[in-house]
C-alpha cells in the first residue's frame, strides 16, 4: 500500500506543477528550475519512485501471500 500511495502522490504532484516539473528543458540546454522551487526535482522523484514496486515485489504477489496466510492455504 505504501508504494501505491507514493506513486499516486508523485503523479498528483507532477500534475499540479505541469510542465514546470520537466526534468530537462531543451531551450536552456541544461537542467534548470524555471518554475517554483517545490517543482524542482519532482520528475526525478517520480521516475525514481517507480522502481519501488519492482524491487519491493509486485503488489499482486504480496496480496496473494497475505491471502494464503489468512486463509491457511
Protein backbone atom coordinates (compact mmCIF):
# COMPACT_ATOMS: atom_id res chain seq x y z
CA UNK A 1 0.00 0.00 0.00
CA UNK A 2 2.90 2.33 0.72
CA UNK A 3 4.29 2.10 -2.79
CA UNK A 4 0.87 2.68 -4.35
CA UNK A 5 0.39 5.74 -2.16
CA UNK A 6 3.82 7.04 -3.12
CA UNK A 7 3.07 6.57 -6.85
CA UNK A 8 -0.23 8.40 -6.57
CA UNK A 9 1.32 11.23 -4.58
CA UNK A 10 4.09 11.73 -7.15
CA UNK A 11 1.59 11.65 -10.00
CA UNK A 12 -0.57 14.25 -8.28
CA UNK A 13 2.43 16.49 -7.60
CA UNK A 14 3.55 16.32 -11.24
CA UNK A 15 0.02 17.04 -12.41
CA UNK A 16 -0.13 20.06 -10.12
CA UNK A 17 3.11 21.67 -11.34
CA UNK A 18 2.54 20.81 -15.00
CA UNK A 19 5.43 21.49 -17.34
CA UNK A 20 7.48 23.04 -14.52
CA UNK A 21 8.20 19.52 -13.32
CA UNK A 22 10.03 18.63 -16.55
CA UNK A 23 13.46 17.16 -15.84
CA UNK A 24 15.09 18.65 -18.95
CA UNK A 25 14.47 21.88 -20.80
CA UNK A 26 15.80 21.84 -24.37
CA UNK A 27 15.60 25.61 -24.81
CA UNK A 28 18.01 26.20 -21.93
CA UNK A 29 20.25 23.28 -22.82
CA UNK A 30 20.57 22.04 -19.25
CA UNK A 31 18.55 21.09 -16.22
CA UNK A 32 17.22 24.28 -14.74
CA UNK A 33 14.46 25.26 -12.40
CA UNK A 34 12.30 27.78 -14.23
CA UNK A 35 9.25 27.38 -12.02
CA UNK A 36 8.54 27.41 -8.31
CA UNK A 37 11.14 25.89 -6.01
CA UNK A 38 8.93 23.00 -4.95
CA UNK A 39 8.67 21.84 -8.58
CA UNK A 40 12.43 21.25 -8.81
CA UNK A 41 13.18 17.54 -8.86
CA UNK A 42 9.60 16.26 -8.92
CA UNK A 43 10.06 14.38 -12.18
CA UNK A 44 13.20 12.76 -10.85
CA UNK A 45 11.38 11.71 -7.70
CA UNK A 46 8.53 10.33 -9.80
CA UNK A 47 10.77 8.23 -12.05
CA UNK A 48 12.99 7.13 -9.18
CA UNK A 49 9.95 6.08 -7.14
CA UNK A 50 8.61 3.78 -9.86
CA UNK A 51 11.25 1.19 -9.04
CA UNK A 52 9.88 0.68 -5.53
CA UNK A 53 7.07 -1.51 -6.82
CA UNK A 54 9.59 -3.61 -8.72
CA UNK A 55 12.20 -4.29 -6.06
CA UNK A 56 9.58 -4.47 -3.33
CA UNK A 57 7.78 -7.25 -5.19
CA UNK A 58 4.63 -6.81 -7.19
CA UNK A 59 1.55 -5.87 -5.23
CA UNK A 60 -0.41 -8.81 -6.58
CA UNK A 61 2.12 -11.35 -5.31
CA UNK A 62 2.21 -9.73 -1.88
CA UNK A 63 -1.59 -9.76 -1.68
CA UNK A 64 -1.68 -13.44 -2.66
CA UNK A 65 0.82 -14.33 0.06
CA UNK A 66 -1.22 -12.46 2.67
CA UNK A 67 -4.44 -14.09 1.48
CA UNK A 68 -2.87 -17.56 1.73
CA UNK A 69 -1.66 -16.81 5.25
CA UNK A 70 -5.10 -15.58 6.33
CA UNK A 71 -6.96 -18.48 4.74
CA UNK A 72 -4.40 -21.04 5.87
CA UNK A 73 -3.78 -22.46 2.40
